[in-house]
Amino acid sequence: MNIALVILGTLLAVGSIGSAIAKLKKVPDIMASMASVGVKPNLIPLLAFLEIAGGAGVIVGIWVPALGILASACLTLYFLGAFLSHIRKKHKVAEFGAALGFLVIAIAVTVLQSNR
């Protein structure tokens, strides 16, 4: 098993699930960031669910490669959407750095999953 996949996959899963928990707890900074890109409050639980499902899929995907590819690819699309939402609003890096970081990690996990 690829050590990089385990490390980056775990980081992606923990980060995604942590981000989802922050959304569900309605952490003020997260809520402000979501509002700044135009996310309606009623969509936040759905987005949190998608992050939790993706994170769980990445962890299980360490042992079930097809699920790992699917989950990491979906998280790549999720964080690409977050990144592009901030870019569209012309936000500074400080406002979208986390989304960009997660996007890079999700891409790396997808590539590692695809190359096993």
Protein backbone atom coordinates (compact mmCIF):
# COMPACT_ATOMS: atom_id res chain seq x y z
CA MET A 1 0.00 0.00 0.00
CA ASN A 2 1.30 3.44 -0.89
CA ILE A 3 2.35 5.38 2.23
CA ALA A 4 1.70 8.72 0.50
CA LEU A 5 -1.86 7.62 -0.28
CA VAL A 6 -2.51 6.67 3.33
CA ILE A 7 -1.07 9.92 4.68
CA LEU A 8 -2.69 12.27 2.16
CA GLY A 9 -5.94 10.31 2.14
CA THR A 10 -6.18 10.51 5.91
CA LEU A 11 -5.36 14.22 5.83
CA LEU A 12 -8.04 14.81 3.19
CA ALA A 13 -10.62 12.76 5.08
CA VAL A 14 -9.94 14.38 8.46
CA GLY A 15 -9.89 17.85 6.92
CA SER A 16 -13.12 17.30 5.00
CA ILE A 17 -14.94 15.91 8.01
CA GLY A 18 -13.55 18.69 10.20
CA SER A 19 -14.76 21.27 7.70
CA ALA A 20 -18.19 19.64 7.71
CA ILE A 21 -18.36 19.71 11.50
CA ALA A 22 -17.48 23.42 11.47
CA LYS A 23 -20.34 24.02 9.03
CA LEU A 24 -22.79 22.01 11.14
CA LYS A 25 -21.68 23.85 14.30
CA LYS A 26 -22.15 27.13 12.41
CA VAL A 27 -18.70 28.46 13.26
CA PRO A 28 -18.98 32.23 12.61
CA ASP A 29 -15.91 32.51 10.34
CA ILE A 30 -17.09 29.58 8.23
CA MET A 31 -20.62 30.93 7.99
CA ALA A 32 -19.29 34.35 6.95
CA SER A 33 -17.09 32.76 4.30
CA MET A 34 -19.99 30.72 2.95
CA ALA A 35 -22.22 33.80 2.84
CA SER A 36 -19.50 35.81 1.09
CA VAL A 37 -19.58 33.43 -1.88
CA GLY A 38 -23.36 33.32 -2.00
CA VAL A 39 -24.13 29.96 -0.36
CA LYS A 40 -27.66 29.97 1.01
CA PRO A 41 -27.90 28.85 4.67
CA ASN A 42 -30.30 26.02 3.82
CA LEU A 43 -27.62 24.41 1.58
CA ILE A 44 -24.96 24.26 4.29
CA PRO A 45 -26.14 20.94 5.84
CA LEU A 46 -26.10 19.35 2.37
CA LEU A 47 -22.56 20.58 1.72
CA ALA A 48 -21.49 19.26 5.13
CA PHE A 49 -23.04 15.87 4.32
CA LEU A 50 -21.14 15.75 1.02
CA GLU A 51 -17.86 16.46 2.82
CA ILE A 52 -18.54 13.76 5.41
CA ALA A 53 -19.48 11.23 2.72
CA GLY A 54 -16.38 12.13 0.71
CA GLY A 55 -14.11 11.87 3.74
CA ALA A 56 -15.56 8.50 4.74
CA GLY A 57 -15.27 7.30 1.14
CA VAL A 58 -11.60 8.29 0.99
CA ILE A 59 -10.83 6.34 4.18
CA VAL A 60 -12.70 3.22 3.03
CA GLY A 61 -11.13 3.76 -0.39
CA ILE A 62 -7.71 2.98 1.02
CA TRP A 63 -8.89 -0.65 1.00
CA VAL A 64 -11.52 -0.41 -1.79
CA PRO A 65 -9.75 1.38 -4.65
CA ALA A 66 -12.82 2.07 -6.80
CA LEU A 67 -14.54 3.85 -3.91
CA GLY A 68 -11.35 5.76 -3.15
CA ILE A 69 -11.11 7.06 -6.71
CA LEU A 70 -14.78 8.07 -6.73
CA ALA A 71 -14.66 9.76 -3.31
CA SER A 72 -11.44 11.66 -3.94
CA ALA A 73 -12.61 12.75 -7.40
CA CYS A 74 -15.87 14.01 -5.89
CA LEU A 75 -13.98 15.92 -3.20
CA THR A 76 -11.76 17.36 -5.93
CA LEU A 77 -14.88 18.70 -7.67
CA TYR A 78 -16.29 19.96 -4.35
CA PHE A 79 -13.15 21.92 -3.48
CA LEU A 80 -12.74 23.11 -7.07
CA GLY A 81 -16.21 24.61 -6.76
CA ALA A 82 -15.27 26.26 -3.47
CA PHE A 83 -12.05 27.64 -4.94
CA LEU A 84 -13.76 28.96 -8.07
CA SER A 85 -16.52 30.55 -5.97
CA HIS A 86 -13.90 32.58 -4.12
CA ILE A 87 -12.04 33.46 -7.33
CA ARG A 88 -15.30 34.61 -8.92
CA LYS A 89 -15.78 37.03 -6.00
CA LYS A 90 -12.15 38.20 -6.36
CA HIS A 91 -11.27 37.19 -2.82
CA LYS A 92 -7.72 37.29 -1.56
CA VAL A 93 -5.67 34.15 -0.92
CA ALA A 94 -6.27 34.45 2.82
CA GLU A 95 -9.97 33.91 2.16
CA PHE A 96 -9.63 30.82 -0.05
CA GLY A 97 -6.34 29.32 1.07
CA ALA A 98 -8.01 26.39 2.83
CA ALA A 99 -10.13 25.55 -0.22
CA LEU A 100 -7.04 25.69 -2.43
CA GLY A 101 -5.06 23.50 -0.04
CA PHE A 102 -7.82 20.90 0.12
CA LEU A 103 -8.14 21.04 -3.67
CA VAL A 104 -4.45 20.27 -4.14
CA ILE A 105 -4.59 17.40 -1.63
CA ALA A 106 -7.76 16.00 -3.23
CA ILE A 107 -6.11 16.05 -6.66
CA ALA A 108 -3.05 14.29 -5.27
CA VAL A 109 -5.18 11.60 -3.60
CA THR A 110 -7.15 11.08 -6.82
CA VAL A 111 -3.93 10.66 -8.80
CA LEU A 112 -2.47 8.28 -6.20
CA GLN A 113 -5.68 6.25 -6.14
CA SER A 114 -5.74 6.07 -9.94
CA ASN A 115 -2.15 4.90 -10.18
CA ARG A 116 -2.36 1.90 -7.84
